[in-house]
Amino acid sequence: MNIQDLGAIAEIVGAVAVVVSLVYLSIQIRQNTKQVEEHTRAVRAAALHASLSYALDTRLSVSTSGDVASIYARGMENPESLDEIELIRFRLLMASIVDTFLNMYSQTKMSGFSPETWEAQANSARRVFASNGGRWFWSAYGSEYNESFRKEIDVLLKENA
């Protein structure tokens, strides 16, 4: 066996090693892609759960306290009828409600939640902003929210007009 024969054998061994390496790398890439997709789904599910928990907490604060429910109901009908402390409490409650909407809107636009997630919340937002208290809150405090969300809520307000 001469040097040329050894060189040919080395080339064949090298080619086989490259093919084996490429197969190994493709398997690793597929496994990594699958793990990233599973992680992304888990993160989205956790984010959705957190958003829904926040909304539930806000609802529970109204439904479990007669005092808060009364302020909410009267504020939604006519915020000017509330005394100074009640108006502060109503404003904070409305901020929590609108922040929940903002969270769902942002998660849908930035995190890949399905569009139906925001659409379900948009229906609730329409009801909130159709009220006197919702319009009062939005006209007084809407500027505190980002432009994209403000535009979205303004569209909902126009739909209710």
N, C-alpha and C. Protein backbone atom coordinates (compact mmCIF):
# COMPACT_ATOMS: atom_id res chain seq x y z
N MET A 1 0.85 -1.16 0.00
CA MET A 1 0.00 0.00 0.00
C MET A 1 0.91 1.23 0.00
N ASN A 2 0.66 2.11 -0.97
CA ASN A 2 1.49 3.30 -1.07
C ASN A 2 0.79 4.51 -0.47
N ILE A 3 1.48 5.61 -0.52
CA ILE A 3 0.98 6.84 0.10
C ILE A 3 -0.32 7.31 -0.54
N GLN A 4 -0.48 7.09 -1.85
CA GLN A 4 -1.72 7.51 -2.53
C GLN A 4 -2.91 6.67 -2.04
N ASP A 5 -2.68 5.41 -1.82
CA ASP A 5 -3.75 4.56 -1.30
C ASP A 5 -4.18 5.00 0.10
N LEU A 6 -3.17 5.31 0.93
CA LEU A 6 -3.47 5.80 2.29
C LEU A 6 -4.24 7.14 2.23
N GLY A 7 -3.85 7.99 1.30
CA GLY A 7 -4.54 9.28 1.14
C GLY A 7 -5.99 9.08 0.73
N ALA A 8 -6.25 8.13 -0.19
CA ALA A 8 -7.61 7.85 -0.63
C ALA A 8 -8.46 7.31 0.52
N ILE A 9 -7.87 6.42 1.32
CA ILE A 9 -8.58 5.88 2.48
C ILE A 9 -8.89 6.99 3.48
N ALA A 10 -7.94 7.88 3.70
CA ALA A 10 -8.13 9.00 4.63
C ALA A 10 -9.25 9.91 4.14
N GLU A 11 -9.31 10.13 2.82
CA GLU A 11 -10.38 10.96 2.27
C GLU A 11 -11.75 10.32 2.49
N ILE A 12 -11.84 9.03 2.30
CA ILE A 12 -13.10 8.31 2.50
C ILE A 12 -13.51 8.38 3.97
N VAL A 13 -12.55 8.11 4.87
CA VAL A 13 -12.84 8.18 6.31
C VAL A 13 -13.28 9.60 6.68
N GLY A 14 -12.60 10.60 6.13
CA GLY A 14 -12.97 12.00 6.41
C GLY A 14 -14.36 12.32 5.92
N ALA A 15 -14.72 11.85 4.72
CA ALA A 15 -16.05 12.11 4.17
C ALA A 15 -17.12 11.44 5.03
N VAL A 16 -16.86 10.21 5.45
CA VAL A 16 -17.81 9.52 6.32
C VAL A 16 -17.97 10.27 7.64
N ALA A 17 -16.86 10.76 8.20
CA ALA A 17 -16.91 11.51 9.46
C ALA A 17 -17.73 12.79 9.30
N VAL A 18 -17.59 13.47 8.18
CA VAL A 18 -18.37 14.69 7.93
C VAL A 18 -19.86 14.35 7.84
N VAL A 19 -20.21 13.29 7.14
CA VAL A 19 -21.61 12.89 7.01
C VAL A 19 -22.18 12.53 8.39
N VAL A 20 -21.43 11.75 9.17
CA VAL A 20 -21.88 11.38 10.51
C VAL A 20 -22.08 12.64 11.36
N SER A 21 -21.14 13.59 11.28
CA SER A 21 -21.25 14.83 12.05
C SER A 21 -22.49 15.63 11.63
N LEU A 22 -22.75 15.69 10.34
CA LEU A 22 -23.92 16.43 9.86
C LEU A 22 -25.22 15.77 10.33
N VAL A 23 -25.28 14.47 10.30
CA VAL A 23 -26.46 13.77 10.79
C VAL A 23 -26.66 14.04 12.27
N TYR A 24 -25.57 13.94 13.03
CA TYR A 24 -25.64 14.21 14.47
C TYR A 24 -26.12 15.65 14.74
N LEU A 25 -25.56 16.61 14.02
CA LEU A 25 -25.96 18.00 14.20
C LEU A 25 -27.43 18.22 13.84
N SER A 26 -27.91 17.58 12.78
CA SER A 26 -29.31 17.77 12.41
C SER A 26 -30.24 17.20 13.48
N ILE A 27 -29.85 16.07 14.08
CA ILE A 27 -30.65 15.51 15.17
C ILE A 27 -30.65 16.47 16.36
N GLN A 28 -29.51 17.02 16.70
CA GLN A 28 -29.41 17.96 17.82
C GLN A 28 -30.24 19.22 17.57
N ILE A 29 -30.20 19.72 16.35
CA ILE A 29 -30.96 20.93 16.01
C ILE A 29 -32.46 20.66 16.12
N ARG A 30 -32.91 19.50 15.63
CA ARG A 30 -34.33 19.16 15.75
C ARG A 30 -34.76 19.06 17.21
N GLN A 31 -33.93 18.40 18.03
CA GLN A 31 -34.27 18.28 19.45
C GLN A 31 -34.30 19.65 20.12
N ASN A 32 -33.34 20.50 19.80
CA ASN A 32 -33.30 21.84 20.39
C ASN A 32 -34.51 22.66 19.95
N THR A 33 -34.87 22.57 18.67
CA THR A 33 -36.04 23.29 18.18
C THR A 33 -37.30 22.83 18.90
N LYS A 34 -37.45 21.54 19.08
CA LYS A 34 -38.61 21.00 19.79
C LYS A 34 -38.65 21.50 21.23
N GLN A 35 -37.50 21.53 21.91
CA GLN A 35 -37.45 22.02 23.28
C GLN A 35 -37.79 23.50 23.36
N VAL A 36 -37.29 24.29 22.41
CA VAL A 36 -37.60 25.73 22.39
C VAL A 36 -39.10 25.94 22.17
N GLU A 37 -39.70 25.18 21.25
CA GLU A 37 -41.14 25.31 21.01
C GLU A 37 -41.95 24.92 22.25
N GLU A 38 -41.56 23.86 22.92
CA GLU A 38 -42.26 23.44 24.14
C GLU A 38 -42.11 24.50 25.23
N HIS A 39 -40.92 25.06 25.35
CA HIS A 39 -40.68 26.11 26.35
C HIS A 39 -41.53 27.35 26.03
N THR A 40 -41.58 27.72 24.76
CA THR A 40 -42.38 28.88 24.35
C THR A 40 -43.85 28.67 24.68
N ARG A 41 -44.37 27.47 24.40
CA ARG A 41 -45.78 27.18 24.74
C ARG A 41 -46.00 27.26 26.25
N ALA A 42 -45.04 26.75 27.02
CA ALA A 42 -45.18 26.80 28.48
C ALA A 42 -45.16 28.24 28.99
N VAL A 43 -44.28 29.05 28.43
CA VAL A 43 -44.20 30.46 28.85
C VAL A 43 -45.48 31.20 28.49
N ARG A 44 -46.00 30.95 27.29
CA ARG A 44 -47.26 31.59 26.89
C ARG A 44 -48.41 31.16 27.79
N ALA A 45 -48.46 29.88 28.11
CA ALA A 45 -49.52 29.39 29.00
C ALA A 45 -49.40 30.04 30.38
N ALA A 46 -48.18 30.17 30.89
CA ALA A 46 -47.98 30.81 32.19
C ALA A 46 -48.38 32.29 32.14
N ALA A 47 -48.04 32.96 31.05
CA ALA A 47 -48.40 34.37 30.90
C ALA A 47 -49.91 34.54 30.82
N LEU A 48 -50.56 33.67 30.09
CA LEU A 48 -52.02 33.74 30.00
C LEU A 48 -52.65 33.47 31.36
N HIS A 49 -52.14 32.49 32.06
CA HIS A 49 -52.65 32.18 33.40
C HIS A 49 -52.47 33.38 34.33
N ALA A 50 -51.31 34.02 34.28
CA ALA A 50 -51.07 35.19 35.13
C ALA A 50 -52.03 36.32 34.77
N SER A 51 -52.25 36.54 33.48
CA SER A 51 -53.17 37.60 33.05
C SER A 51 -54.59 37.31 33.51
N LEU A 52 -55.01 36.08 33.35
CA LEU A 52 -56.37 35.72 33.78
C LEU A 52 -56.50 35.78 35.30
N SER A 53 -55.44 35.42 36.02
CA SER A 53 -55.47 35.52 37.48
C SER A 53 -55.60 36.97 37.93
N TYR A 54 -54.93 37.86 37.24
CA TYR A 54 -55.02 39.28 37.57
C TYR A 54 -56.45 39.77 37.35
N ALA A 55 -57.05 39.36 36.24
CA ALA A 55 -58.44 39.74 35.97
C ALA A 55 -59.37 39.15 37.02
N LEU A 56 -59.13 37.91 37.39
CA LEU A 56 -59.96 37.26 38.41
C LEU A 56 -59.83 37.97 39.75
N ASP A 57 -58.62 38.35 40.13
CA ASP A 57 -58.42 39.06 41.39
C ASP A 57 -59.21 40.37 41.42
N THR A 58 -59.20 41.08 40.28
CA THR A 58 -59.95 42.33 40.21
C THR A 58 -61.44 42.07 40.36
N ARG A 59 -61.93 41.06 39.68
CA ARG A 59 -63.36 40.71 39.78
C ARG A 59 -63.72 40.29 41.19
N LEU A 60 -62.84 39.51 41.81
CA LEU A 60 -63.11 39.06 43.18
C LEU A 60 -63.16 40.24 44.15
N SER A 61 -62.33 41.25 43.91
CA SER A 61 -62.35 42.40 44.82
C SER A 61 -63.70 43.10 44.78
N VAL A 62 -64.36 43.07 43.63
CA VAL A 62 -65.68 43.68 43.51
C VAL A 62 -66.75 42.74 44.07
N SER A 63 -66.65 41.47 43.70
CA SER A 63 -67.74 40.56 44.04
C SER A 63 -67.75 40.12 45.50
N THR A 64 -66.64 40.24 46.19
CA THR A 64 -66.60 39.77 47.58
C THR A 64 -66.74 40.89 48.60
N SER A 65 -66.84 42.12 48.14
CA SER A 65 -66.99 43.24 49.06
C SER A 65 -68.18 44.10 48.63
N GLY A 66 -69.17 44.16 49.49
CA GLY A 66 -70.33 44.99 49.19
C GLY A 66 -69.95 46.45 49.00
N ASP A 67 -69.00 46.92 49.80
CA ASP A 67 -68.55 48.30 49.72
C ASP A 67 -67.91 48.59 48.36
N VAL A 68 -67.01 47.71 47.92
CA VAL A 68 -66.34 47.89 46.63
C VAL A 68 -67.35 47.75 45.50
N ALA A 69 -68.25 46.78 45.60
CA ALA A 69 -69.26 46.60 44.57
C ALA A 69 -70.15 47.84 44.45
N SER A 70 -70.50 48.43 45.59
CA SER A 70 -71.32 49.64 45.58
C SER A 70 -70.58 50.80 44.90
N ILE A 71 -69.34 50.97 45.24
CA ILE A 71 -68.54 52.04 44.63
C ILE A 71 -68.42 51.80 43.13
N TYR A 72 -68.16 50.55 42.76
CA TYR A 72 -68.04 50.22 41.34
C TYR A 72 -69.34 50.51 40.59
N ALA A 73 -70.45 50.03 41.11
CA ALA A 73 -71.74 50.21 40.44
C ALA A 73 -72.10 51.70 40.32
N ARG A 74 -71.94 52.42 41.43
CA ARG A 74 -72.28 53.86 41.38
C ARG A 74 -71.31 54.62 40.50
N GLY A 75 -70.03 54.25 40.55
CA GLY A 75 -69.03 54.92 39.72
C GLY A 75 -69.23 54.66 38.24
N MET A 76 -69.62 53.44 37.90
CA MET A 76 -69.87 53.14 36.49
C MET A 76 -71.05 53.93 35.96
N GLU A 77 -72.04 54.15 36.83
CA GLU A 77 -73.22 54.91 36.42
C GLU A 77 -72.95 56.42 36.40
N ASN A 78 -72.34 56.93 37.47
CA ASN A 78 -72.12 58.37 37.58
C ASN A 78 -70.96 58.64 38.54
N PRO A 79 -69.74 58.72 38.03
CA PRO A 79 -68.59 58.89 38.93
C PRO A 79 -68.66 60.19 39.76
N GLU A 80 -69.34 61.20 39.24
CA GLU A 80 -69.46 62.46 39.98
C GLU A 80 -70.30 62.32 41.25
N SER A 81 -71.06 61.24 41.35
CA SER A 81 -71.89 61.03 42.54
C SER A 81 -71.09 60.49 43.73
N LEU A 82 -69.85 60.10 43.48
CA LEU A 82 -69.02 59.53 44.54
C LEU A 82 -68.36 60.63 45.35
N ASP A 83 -68.17 60.38 46.65
CA ASP A 83 -67.42 61.35 47.44
C ASP A 83 -65.92 61.21 47.11
N GLU A 84 -65.09 62.04 47.68
CA GLU A 84 -63.67 62.11 47.33
C GLU A 84 -62.96 60.77 47.52
N ILE A 85 -63.16 60.12 48.63
CA ILE A 85 -62.50 58.84 48.91
C ILE A 85 -63.04 57.74 47.99
N GLU A 86 -64.36 57.72 47.81
CA GLU A 86 -64.95 56.72 46.91
C GLU A 86 -64.44 56.90 45.48
N LEU A 87 -64.28 58.16 45.06
CA LEU A 87 -63.79 58.43 43.71
C LEU A 87 -62.35 57.92 43.55
N ILE A 88 -61.55 58.08 44.57
CA ILE A 88 -60.17 57.54 44.53
C ILE A 88 -60.23 56.01 44.41
N ARG A 89 -61.07 55.40 45.21
CA ARG A 89 -61.18 53.94 45.15
C ARG A 89 -61.70 53.48 43.79
N PHE A 90 -62.68 54.20 43.24
CA PHE A 90 -63.21 53.86 41.93
C PHE A 90 -62.12 54.01 40.86
N ARG A 91 -61.37 55.11 40.94
CA ARG A 91 -60.29 55.33 39.96
C ARG A 91 -59.26 54.20 40.02
N LEU A 92 -58.89 53.79 41.23
CA LEU A 92 -57.91 52.72 41.37
C LEU A 92 -58.47 51.38 40.86
N LEU A 93 -59.74 51.14 41.11
CA LEU A 93 -60.37 49.93 40.61
C LEU A 93 -60.41 49.95 39.08
N MET A 94 -60.78 51.09 38.52
CA MET A 94 -60.79 51.21 37.06
C MET A 94 -59.39 51.05 36.49
N ALA A 95 -58.39 51.58 37.17
CA ALA A 95 -57.01 51.42 36.70
C ALA A 95 -56.64 49.94 36.68
N SER A 96 -57.06 49.20 37.69
CA SER A 96 -56.78 47.75 37.71
C SER A 96 -57.48 47.05 36.55
N ILE A 97 -58.70 47.43 36.29
CA ILE A 97 -59.45 46.82 35.19
C ILE A 97 -58.80 47.15 33.85
N VAL A 98 -58.46 48.41 33.66
CA VAL A 98 -57.84 48.82 32.38
C VAL A 98 -56.44 48.23 32.26
N ASP A 99 -55.71 48.13 33.36
CA ASP A 99 -54.39 47.48 33.31
C ASP A 99 -54.51 46.02 32.90
N THR A 100 -55.58 45.36 33.32
CA THR A 100 -55.82 43.98 32.89
C THR A 100 -56.05 43.94 31.38
N PHE A 101 -56.84 44.88 30.87
CA PHE A 101 -57.04 44.95 29.42
C PHE A 101 -55.71 45.22 28.71
N LEU A 102 -54.92 46.15 29.25
CA LEU A 102 -53.62 46.46 28.65
C LEU A 102 -52.73 45.23 28.62
N ASN A 103 -52.73 44.47 29.71
CA ASN A 103 -51.91 43.28 29.77
C ASN A 103 -52.31 42.28 28.69
N MET A 104 -53.59 42.02 28.57
CA MET A 104 -54.06 41.08 27.55
C MET A 104 -53.77 41.58 26.14
N TYR A 105 -53.99 42.87 25.92
CA TYR A 105 -53.71 43.47 24.61
C TYR A 105 -52.22 43.33 24.29
N SER A 106 -51.37 43.68 25.24
CA SER A 106 -49.93 43.61 25.01
C SER A 106 -49.46 42.19 24.80
N GLN A 107 -49.96 41.27 25.62
CA GLN A 107 -49.57 39.87 25.46
C GLN A 107 -49.98 39.35 24.08
N THR A 108 -51.15 39.75 23.62
CA THR A 108 -51.61 39.30 22.31
C THR A 108 -50.75 39.86 21.20
N LYS A 109 -50.42 41.14 21.29
CA LYS A 109 -49.65 41.79 20.23
C LYS A 109 -48.18 41.41 20.24
N MET A 110 -47.61 41.17 21.42
CA MET A 110 -46.16 40.97 21.52
C MET A 110 -45.74 39.54 21.80
N SER A 111 -46.58 38.76 22.42
CA SER A 111 -46.14 37.44 22.90
C SER A 111 -46.72 36.28 22.13
N GLY A 112 -47.55 36.55 21.18
CA GLY A 112 -48.08 35.46 20.38
C GLY A 112 -49.32 34.80 20.94
N PHE A 113 -50.01 35.46 21.90
CA PHE A 113 -51.32 34.92 22.28
C PHE A 113 -52.18 34.93 21.03
N SER A 114 -53.14 34.05 20.98
CA SER A 114 -54.03 34.03 19.82
C SER A 114 -54.86 35.32 19.82
N PRO A 115 -55.20 35.82 18.64
CA PRO A 115 -56.02 37.04 18.56
C PRO A 115 -57.34 36.92 19.31
N GLU A 116 -57.85 35.71 19.43
CA GLU A 116 -59.10 35.50 20.15
C GLU A 116 -58.98 35.90 21.62
N THR A 117 -57.77 35.82 22.16
CA THR A 117 -57.55 36.19 23.57
C THR A 117 -57.90 37.66 23.77
N TRP A 118 -57.38 38.52 22.90
CA TRP A 118 -57.70 39.94 23.03
C TRP A 118 -59.15 40.20 22.65
N GLU A 119 -59.67 39.54 21.64
CA GLU A 119 -61.05 39.77 21.23
C GLU A 119 -62.02 39.49 22.38
N ALA A 120 -61.75 38.45 23.15
CA ALA A 120 -62.61 38.15 24.31
C ALA A 120 -62.55 39.29 25.31
N GLN A 121 -61.36 39.83 25.55
CA GLN A 121 -61.22 40.95 26.48
C GLN A 121 -61.77 42.24 25.88
N ALA A 122 -61.65 42.38 24.57
CA ALA A 122 -62.17 43.59 23.92
C ALA A 122 -63.67 43.71 24.12
N ASN A 123 -64.36 42.57 24.13
CA ASN A 123 -65.81 42.61 24.39
C ASN A 123 -66.09 43.13 25.79
N SER A 124 -65.30 42.71 26.76
CA SER A 124 -65.45 43.23 28.13
C SER A 124 -65.09 44.70 28.18
N ALA A 125 -64.03 45.07 27.47
CA ALA A 125 -63.61 46.48 27.44
C ALA A 125 -64.70 47.36 26.84
N ARG A 126 -65.36 46.87 25.80
CA ARG A 126 -66.46 47.64 25.20
C ARG A 126 -67.53 47.94 26.24
N ARG A 127 -67.87 46.94 27.05
CA ARG A 127 -68.90 47.15 28.09
C ARG A 127 -68.42 48.16 29.13
N VAL A 128 -67.17 48.03 29.54
CA VAL A 128 -66.65 48.94 30.57
C VAL A 128 -66.63 50.37 30.03
N PHE A 129 -66.09 50.55 28.83
CA PHE A 129 -65.95 51.90 28.29
C PHE A 129 -67.25 52.48 27.75
N ALA A 130 -68.28 51.68 27.64
CA ALA A 130 -69.59 52.20 27.24
C ALA A 130 -70.28 52.89 28.41
N SER A 131 -69.82 52.63 29.61
CA SER A 131 -70.43 53.22 30.80
C SER A 131 -69.93 54.65 31.00
N ASN A 132 -70.70 55.42 31.79
CA ASN A 132 -70.27 56.78 32.13
C ASN A 132 -68.93 56.75 32.87
N GLY A 133 -68.79 55.80 33.79
CA GLY A 133 -67.55 55.70 34.56
C GLY A 133 -66.37 55.31 33.69
N GLY A 134 -66.59 54.42 32.74
CA GLY A 134 -65.52 54.03 31.83
C GLY A 134 -65.07 55.19 30.97
N ARG A 135 -66.03 55.95 30.43
CA ARG A 135 -65.68 57.12 29.62
C ARG A 135 -64.98 58.18 30.47
N TRP A 136 -65.47 58.37 31.72
CA TRP A 136 -64.84 59.33 32.62
C TRP A 136 -63.38 58.94 32.88
N PHE A 137 -63.15 57.67 33.22
CA PHE A 137 -61.79 57.22 33.51
C PHE A 137 -60.90 57.40 32.29
N TRP A 138 -61.38 56.99 31.13
CA TRP A 138 -60.55 57.04 29.94
C TRP A 138 -60.21 58.47 29.54
N SER A 139 -61.18 59.37 29.66
CA SER A 139 -60.88 60.77 29.29
C SER A 139 -59.91 61.40 30.28
N ALA A 140 -59.98 60.99 31.54
CA ALA A 140 -59.10 61.58 32.56
C ALA A 140 -57.72 60.92 32.61
N TYR A 141 -57.66 59.60 32.35
CA TYR A 141 -56.41 58.87 32.59
C TYR A 141 -55.91 58.07 31.38
N GLY A 142 -56.62 58.11 30.28
CA GLY A 142 -56.20 57.36 29.10
C GLY A 142 -54.83 57.74 28.59
N SER A 143 -54.45 58.99 28.77
CA SER A 143 -53.15 59.45 28.28
C SER A 143 -51.98 58.76 29.00
N GLU A 144 -52.25 58.08 30.10
CA GLU A 144 -51.19 57.39 30.84
C GLU A 144 -50.81 56.05 30.21
N TYR A 145 -51.54 55.65 29.19
CA TYR A 145 -51.29 54.37 28.54
C TYR A 145 -50.57 54.57 27.22
N ASN A 146 -49.92 53.51 26.73
CA ASN A 146 -49.14 53.65 25.50
C ASN A 146 -50.04 53.91 24.30
N GLU A 147 -49.43 54.48 23.28
CA GLU A 147 -50.19 54.95 22.12
C GLU A 147 -50.96 53.84 21.41
N SER A 148 -50.34 52.70 21.25
CA SER A 148 -51.01 51.59 20.56
C SER A 148 -52.28 51.17 21.29
N PHE A 149 -52.18 51.04 22.60
CA PHE A 149 -53.35 50.66 23.40
C PHE A 149 -54.40 51.77 23.39
N ARG A 150 -53.98 53.02 23.48
CA ARG A 150 -54.93 54.14 23.42
C ARG A 150 -55.73 54.09 22.11
N LYS A 151 -55.03 53.84 21.01
CA LYS A 151 -55.72 53.77 19.72
C LYS A 151 -56.73 52.63 19.71
N GLU A 152 -56.34 51.50 20.27
CA GLU A 152 -57.25 50.34 20.31
C GLU A 152 -58.50 50.66 21.13
N ILE A 153 -58.33 51.29 22.28
CA ILE A 153 -59.48 51.64 23.12
C ILE A 153 -60.32 52.73 22.45
N ASP A 154 -59.67 53.69 21.79
CA ASP A 154 -60.41 54.72 21.10
C ASP A 154 -61.29 54.13 19.99
N VAL A 155 -60.80 53.08 19.32
CA VAL A 155 -61.62 52.39 18.32
C VAL A 155 -62.83 51.75 19.00
N LEU A 156 -62.61 51.12 20.15
CA LEU A 156 -63.74 50.51 20.87
C LEU A 156 -64.75 51.57 21.28
N LEU A 157 -64.27 52.73 21.73
CA LEU A 157 -65.18 53.82 22.12
C LEU A 157 -66.02 54.30 20.93
N LYS A 158 -65.37 54.40 19.77
CA LYS A 158 -66.11 54.84 18.57
C LYS A 158 -67.16 53.82 18.17
N GLU A 159 -66.84 52.53 18.37
CA GLU A 159 -67.81 51.48 18.05
C GLU A 159 -69.03 51.59 18.96
N ASN A 160 -68.83 52.07 20.19
CA ASN A 160 -69.92 52.19 21.15
C ASN A 160 -70.69 53.50 21.01
N ALA A 161 -70.17 54.44 20.24
CA ALA A 161 -70.80 55.76 20.14
C ALA A 161 -72.09 55.70 19.32
